[in-house]
């Protein structure tokens, strides 16, 4: 077995534990939202930015916290946050703002007992190693630090996009038409 096989087996192992009904509920929340604003720190932020791009390609109003064009959110809008370890200070502050503004909160994490989940209307658990459990006897992944969680985020988001495409009846050509021509 190669290290690639080990890494892919770990990804498969995580998805064997994911509740697909919770994923479907997350997809429903995205489909029903007015505006969608996303946040993730570090490498999680890179993954969720990719999701925001695909949501935009589907014609949804999606923005990333920190971009100059991110609108205010409130009732009817969705704040979608990923914090694998369950809490980071920036996310906690943003979750508080979104909650007080009346936005619906979807929180993706590997650590649902963390403080971030307490703000959420819905928690989607992605049970993968993060930096919260990457040392000593808690370490289970061949991948470093939070890479297993981050890799799983990519796969999860792509599956969510497929489910959204079906739910909203959006074809590949419609998505392609919204792709930038400034590359």
C-alpha atoms as a PDB file:
ATOM      1  CA  UNK A   1       0.000   0.000   0.000  1.00  0.00           C
ATOM      2  CA  UNK A   2       1.292   3.457  -0.874  1.00  0.00           C
ATOM      3  CA  UNK A   3       0.986   6.650   1.109  1.00  0.00           C
ATOM      4  CA  UNK A   4      -1.613   7.739  -1.460  1.00  0.00           C
ATOM      5  CA  UNK A   5      -3.698   4.707  -0.578  1.00  0.00           C
ATOM      6  CA  UNK A   6      -3.329   5.515   3.125  1.00  0.00           C
ATOM      7  CA  UNK A   7      -4.506   9.105   2.593  1.00  0.00           C
ATOM      8  CA  UNK A   8      -7.421   8.064   0.370  1.00  0.00           C
ATOM      9  CA  UNK A   9      -8.451   5.372   2.862  1.00  0.00           C
ATOM     10  CA  UNK A  10      -8.533   8.013   5.574  1.00  0.00           C
ATOM     11  CA  UNK A  11     -10.772  10.232   3.441  1.00  0.00           C
ATOM     12  CA  UNK A  12     -13.086   7.275   2.781  1.00  0.00           C
ATOM     13  CA  UNK A  13     -13.140   6.493   6.486  1.00  0.00           C
ATOM     14  CA  UNK A  14     -14.314   9.992   7.347  1.00  0.00           C
ATOM     15  CA  UNK A  15     -17.099   9.940   4.759  1.00  0.00           C
ATOM     16  CA  UNK A  16     -18.255   6.542   5.993  1.00  0.00           C
ATOM     17  CA  UNK A  17     -19.161   8.376   9.239  1.00  0.00           C
ATOM     18  CA  UNK A  18     -20.766  11.484   7.715  1.00  0.00           C
ATOM     19  CA  UNK A  19     -24.537  11.777   8.120  1.00  0.00           C
ATOM     20  CA  UNK A  20     -25.776  12.309   4.552  1.00  0.00           C
ATOM     21  CA  UNK A  21     -29.117  13.605   5.866  1.00  0.00           C
ATOM     22  CA  UNK A  22     -27.174  16.401   7.585  1.00  0.00           C
ATOM     23  CA  UNK A  23     -25.444  17.163   4.276  1.00  0.00           C
ATOM     24  CA  UNK A  24     -28.851  17.283   2.553  1.00  0.00           C
ATOM     25  CA  UNK A  25     -30.091  19.674   5.240  1.00  0.00           C
ATOM     26  CA  UNK A  26     -27.035  21.889   4.699  1.00  0.00           C
ATOM     27  CA  UNK A  27     -27.769  21.892   0.960  1.00  0.00           C
ATOM     28  CA  UNK A  28     -31.384  22.882   1.660  1.00  0.00           C
ATOM     29  CA  UNK A  29     -30.185  25.753   3.867  1.00  0.00           C
ATOM     30  CA  UNK A  30     -27.918  27.027   1.092  1.00  0.00           C
ATOM     31  CA  UNK A  31     -30.639  26.701  -1.546  1.00  0.00           C
ATOM     32  CA  UNK A  32     -33.171  28.560   0.608  1.00  0.00           C
ATOM     33  CA  UNK A  33     -30.859  31.405   1.686  1.00  0.00           C
ATOM     34  CA  UNK A  34     -31.119  34.956   0.434  1.00  0.00           C
ATOM     35  CA  UNK A  35     -27.440  35.818   0.714  1.00  0.00           C
ATOM     36  CA  UNK A  36     -24.714  33.351   1.674  1.00  0.00           C
ATOM     37  CA  UNK A  37     -21.586  34.552   3.435  1.00  0.00           C
ATOM     38  CA  UNK A  38     -18.814  32.072   4.202  1.00  0.00           C
ATOM     39  CA  UNK A  39     -15.860  32.026   6.590  1.00  0.00           C
ATOM     40  CA  UNK A  40     -13.022  29.687   7.390  1.00  0.00           C
ATOM     41  CA  UNK A  41      -9.588  30.379   8.818  1.00  0.00           C
ATOM     42  CA  UNK A  42      -6.277  29.340   7.275  1.00  0.00           C
ATOM     43  CA  UNK A  43      -6.434  26.391   4.887  1.00  0.00           C
ATOM     44  CA  UNK A  44     -10.096  25.859   5.735  1.00  0.00           C
ATOM     45  CA  UNK A  45     -10.596  29.361   4.376  1.00  0.00           C
ATOM     46  CA  UNK A  46      -9.086  28.296   1.070  1.00  0.00           C
ATOM     47  CA  UNK A  47     -11.538  25.401   0.813  1.00  0.00           C
ATOM     48  CA  UNK A  48     -14.595  27.476   1.659  1.00  0.00           C
ATOM     49  CA  UNK A  49     -13.545  30.172  -0.816  1.00  0.00           C
ATOM     50  CA  UNK A  50     -13.727  27.450  -3.471  1.00  0.00           C
ATOM     51  CA  UNK A  51     -17.266  26.656  -2.348  1.00  0.00           C
ATOM     52  CA  UNK A  52     -18.228  30.343  -2.550  1.00  0.00           C
ATOM     53  CA  UNK A  53     -16.912  30.422  -6.111  1.00  0.00           C
ATOM     54  CA  UNK A  54     -19.028  27.411  -7.108  1.00  0.00           C
ATOM     55  CA  UNK A  55     -22.099  28.933  -5.427  1.00  0.00           C
ATOM     56  CA  UNK A  56     -21.509  32.071  -7.489  1.00  0.00           C
ATOM     57  CA  UNK A  57     -21.194  29.910 -10.615  1.00  0.00           C
ATOM     58  CA  UNK A  58     -24.638  28.514  -9.781  1.00  0.00           C
ATOM     59  CA  UNK A  59     -26.073  32.021  -9.665  1.00  0.00           C
ATOM     60  CA  UNK A  60     -26.361  32.226  -5.888  1.00  0.00           C
ATOM     61  CA  UNK A  61     -25.433  35.382  -4.016  1.00  0.00           C
ATOM     62  CA  UNK A  62     -22.298  34.175  -2.224  1.00  0.00           C
ATOM     63  CA  UNK A  63     -19.561  36.213  -0.538  1.00  0.00           C
ATOM     64  CA  UNK A  64     -16.488  35.601   1.595  1.00  0.00           C
ATOM     65  CA  UNK A  65     -15.865  37.381   4.898  1.00  0.00           C
ATOM     66  CA  UNK A  66     -13.043  39.854   4.409  1.00  0.00           C
ATOM     67  CA  UNK A  67     -13.718  40.628   0.753  1.00  0.00           C
ATOM     68  CA  UNK A  68     -14.550  44.272   0.131  1.00  0.00           C
ATOM     69  CA  UNK A  69     -17.806  43.330  -1.614  1.00  0.00           C
ATOM     70  CA  UNK A  70     -19.210  41.201   1.225  1.00  0.00           C
ATOM     71  CA  UNK A  71     -22.667  42.537   2.120  1.00  0.00           C
ATOM     72  CA  UNK A  72     -24.259  42.842   5.531  1.00  0.00           C
ATOM     73  CA  UNK A  73     -26.301  39.780   6.470  1.00  0.00           C
ATOM     74  CA  UNK A  74     -29.495  39.427   8.431  1.00  0.00           C
ATOM     75  CA  UNK A  75     -32.730  37.450   8.562  1.00  0.00           C
ATOM     76  CA  UNK A  76     -33.145  35.147   5.576  1.00  0.00           C
ATOM     77  CA  UNK A  77     -29.395  35.006   4.960  1.00  0.00           C
ATOM     78  CA  UNK A  78     -26.961  32.185   5.734  1.00  0.00           C
ATOM     79  CA  UNK A  79     -23.605  32.434   7.478  1.00  0.00           C
ATOM     80  CA  UNK A  80     -21.711  29.252   6.608  1.00  0.00           C
ATOM     81  CA  UNK A  81     -18.641  28.699   8.773  1.00  0.00           C
ATOM     82  CA  UNK A  82     -16.056  25.938   8.975  1.00  0.00           C
ATOM     83  CA  UNK A  83     -13.949  25.555  12.112  1.00  0.00           C
ATOM     84  CA  UNK A  84     -12.577  22.038  12.308  1.00  0.00           C
ATOM     85  CA  UNK A  85     -11.196  22.388  15.847  1.00  0.00           C
ATOM     86  CA  UNK A  86     -14.544  23.761  17.092  1.00  0.00           C
ATOM     87  CA  UNK A  87     -13.444  27.282  17.913  1.00  0.00           C
ATOM     88  CA  UNK A  88     -11.065  30.020  16.900  1.00  0.00           C
ATOM     89  CA  UNK A  89     -11.323  33.569  18.194  1.00  0.00           C
ATOM     90  CA  UNK A  90     -12.067  35.190  14.837  1.00  0.00           C
ATOM     91  CA  UNK A  91     -14.882  32.750  14.077  1.00  0.00           C
ATOM     92  CA  UNK A  92     -16.415  33.189  17.535  1.00  0.00           C
ATOM     93  CA  UNK A  93     -16.533  36.969  17.051  1.00  0.00           C
ATOM     94  CA  UNK A  94     -18.061  36.664  13.573  1.00  0.00           C
ATOM     95  CA  UNK A  95     -20.581  34.060  14.714  1.00  0.00           C
ATOM     96  CA  UNK A  96     -21.718  36.436  17.446  1.00  0.00           C
ATOM     97  CA  UNK A  97     -22.189  39.276  14.943  1.00  0.00           C
ATOM     98  CA  UNK A  98     -24.125  37.059  12.515  1.00  0.00           C
ATOM     99  CA  UNK A  99     -26.323  35.672  15.308  1.00  0.00           C
ATOM    100  CA  UNK A 100     -27.151  39.170  16.590  1.00  0.00           C
ATOM    101  CA  UNK A 101     -27.962  40.242  12.993  1.00  0.00           C
ATOM    102  CA  UNK A 102     -30.516  37.425  12.707  1.00  0.00           C
ATOM    103  CA  UNK A 103     -28.737  35.348  10.058  1.00  0.00           C
ATOM    104  CA  UNK A 104     -29.113  31.577  10.004  1.00  0.00           C
ATOM    105  CA  UNK A 105     -25.839  29.831  10.883  1.00  0.00           C
ATOM    106  CA  UNK A 106     -24.542  26.581   9.424  1.00  0.00           C
ATOM    107  CA  UNK A 107     -21.419  25.422  11.286  1.00  0.00           C
ATOM    108  CA  UNK A 108     -19.150  22.689   9.910  1.00  0.00           C
ATOM    109  CA  UNK A 109     -16.715  21.135  12.374  1.00  0.00           C
ATOM    110  CA  UNK A 110     -14.981  17.997  13.571  1.00  0.00           C
ATOM    111  CA  UNK A 111     -15.434  19.120  17.183  1.00  0.00           C
ATOM    112  CA  UNK A 112     -19.159  19.775  17.773  1.00  0.00           C
ATOM    113  CA  UNK A 113     -18.558  20.257  21.497  1.00  0.00           C
ATOM    114  CA  UNK A 114     -16.535  23.430  20.755  1.00  0.00           C
ATOM    115  CA  UNK A 115     -17.900  26.883  21.534  1.00  0.00           C
ATOM    116  CA  UNK A 116     -18.581  27.706  17.868  1.00  0.00           C
ATOM    117  CA  UNK A 117     -21.358  25.125  17.558  1.00  0.00           C
ATOM    118  CA  UNK A 118     -23.373  26.888  20.253  1.00  0.00           C
ATOM    119  CA  UNK A 119     -24.071  29.755  17.832  1.00  0.00           C
ATOM    120  CA  UNK A 120     -25.312  27.481  15.067  1.00  0.00           C
ATOM    121  CA  UNK A 121     -28.797  26.736  13.859  1.00  0.00           C
ATOM    122  CA  UNK A 122     -27.364  23.562  12.322  1.00  0.00           C
ATOM    123  CA  UNK A 123     -24.065  21.747  12.903  1.00  0.00           C
ATOM    124  CA  UNK A 124     -22.630  19.486  10.219  1.00  0.00           C
ATOM    125  CA  UNK A 125     -20.022  17.156  11.705  1.00  0.00           C
ATOM    126  CA  UNK A 126     -17.081  16.183   9.522  1.00  0.00           C
ATOM    127  CA  UNK A 127     -15.288  13.703  11.811  1.00  0.00           C
ATOM    128  CA  UNK A 128     -11.690  14.134  10.678  1.00  0.00           C
ATOM    129  CA  UNK A 129      -8.438  14.901  12.460  1.00  0.00           C
ATOM    130  CA  UNK A 130      -7.787  18.629  12.881  1.00  0.00           C
ATOM    131  CA  UNK A 131      -5.095  20.625  14.627  1.00  0.00           C
ATOM    132  CA  UNK A 132      -7.113  20.076  17.822  1.00  0.00           C
ATOM    133  CA  UNK A 133      -6.136  16.398  17.832  1.00  0.00           C
ATOM    134  CA  UNK A 134      -3.022  16.015  15.678  1.00  0.00           C
ATOM    135  CA  UNK A 135      -0.482  15.223  18.401  1.00  0.00           C
ATOM    136  CA  UNK A 136       0.360  12.356  20.715  1.00  0.00           C
ATOM    137  CA  UNK A 137      -2.065   9.494  21.077  1.00  0.00           C
ATOM    138  CA  UNK A 138      -4.905  11.555  19.567  1.00  0.00           C
ATOM    139  CA  UNK A 139      -3.099  11.641  16.196  1.00  0.00           C
ATOM    140  CA  UNK A 140      -4.701   9.198  13.774  1.00  0.00           C
ATOM    141  CA  UNK A 141      -3.882  10.520  10.295  1.00  0.00           C
ATOM    142  CA  UNK A 142      -0.803  10.065   8.129  1.00  0.00           C
ATOM    143  CA  UNK A 143      -1.511  13.586   6.886  1.00  0.00           C
ATOM    144  CA  UNK A 144      -0.077  16.487   8.902  1.00  0.00           C
ATOM    145  CA  UNK A 145      -1.961  18.775  11.239  1.00  0.00           C
ATOM    146  CA  UNK A 146      -5.486  19.479   9.943  1.00  0.00           C
ATOM    147  CA  UNK A 147      -4.909  18.263   6.388  1.00  0.00           C
ATOM    148  CA  UNK A 148      -7.358  15.364   6.652  1.00  0.00           C
ATOM    149  CA  UNK A 149     -10.174  17.724   7.657  1.00  0.00           C
ATOM    150  CA  UNK A 150      -9.210  20.217   4.963  1.00  0.00           C
ATOM    151  CA  UNK A 151      -9.098  17.509   2.272  1.00  0.00           C
ATOM    152  CA  UNK A 152     -12.473  16.241   3.419  1.00  0.00           C
ATOM    153  CA  UNK A 153     -13.858  19.771   3.171  1.00  0.00           C
ATOM    154  CA  UNK A 154     -12.925  19.866  -0.508  1.00  0.00           C
ATOM    155  CA  UNK A 155     -14.738  16.589  -1.193  1.00  0.00           C
ATOM    156  CA  UNK A 156     -17.723  17.565   0.973  1.00  0.00           C
ATOM    157  CA  UNK A 157     -18.111  20.903  -0.797  1.00  0.00           C
ATOM    158  CA  UNK A 158     -17.930  19.298  -4.242  1.00  0.00           C
ATOM    159  CA  UNK A 159     -20.625  16.782  -3.265  1.00  0.00           C
ATOM    160  CA  UNK A 160     -22.744  19.623  -1.888  1.00  0.00           C
ATOM    161  CA  UNK A 161     -22.358  21.430  -5.217  1.00  0.00           C
ATOM    162  CA  UNK A 162     -23.553  18.319  -7.061  1.00  0.00           C
ATOM    163  CA  UNK A 163     -26.565  18.074  -4.752  1.00  0.00           C
ATOM    164  CA  UNK A 164     -27.308  21.792  -5.199  1.00  0.00           C
ATOM    165  CA  UNK A 165     -27.071  21.500  -8.989  1.00  0.00           C
ATOM    166  CA  UNK A 166     -29.683  18.735  -8.896  1.00  0.00           C
ATOM    167  CA  UNK A 167     -31.911  20.510  -6.376  1.00  0.00           C
ATOM    168  CA  UNK A 168     -31.855  23.824  -8.256  1.00  0.00           C
ATOM    169  CA  UNK A 169     -31.780  22.219 -11.724  1.00  0.00           C
ATOM    170  CA  UNK A 170     -28.636  24.069 -12.768  1.00  0.00           C
ATOM    171  CA  UNK A 171     -26.678  22.692 -15.697  1.00  0.00           C
ATOM    172  CA  UNK A 172     -22.963  22.805 -16.352  1.00  0.00           C
ATOM    173  CA  UNK A 173     -23.385  25.312 -19.185  1.00  0.00           C
ATOM    174  CA  UNK A 174     -25.175  27.783 -16.924  1.00  0.00           C
ATOM    175  CA  UNK A 175     -22.337  27.484 -14.426  1.00  0.00           C
ATOM    176  CA  UNK A 176     -19.710  27.834 -17.133  1.00  0.00           C
ATOM    177  CA  UNK A 177     -21.441  31.009 -18.406  1.00  0.00           C
ATOM    178  CA  UNK A 178     -20.852  32.628 -14.995  1.00  0.00           C
ATOM    179  CA  UNK A 179     -17.153  31.698 -14.872  1.00  0.00           C
ATOM    180  CA  UNK A 180     -14.794  34.633 -15.212  1.00  0.00           C
ATOM    181  CA  UNK A 181     -13.158  35.373 -18.533  1.00  0.00           C
ATOM    182  CA  UNK A 182     -10.406  37.396 -16.826  1.00  0.00           C
ATOM    183  CA  UNK A 183      -7.941  34.558 -16.285  1.00  0.00           C
END
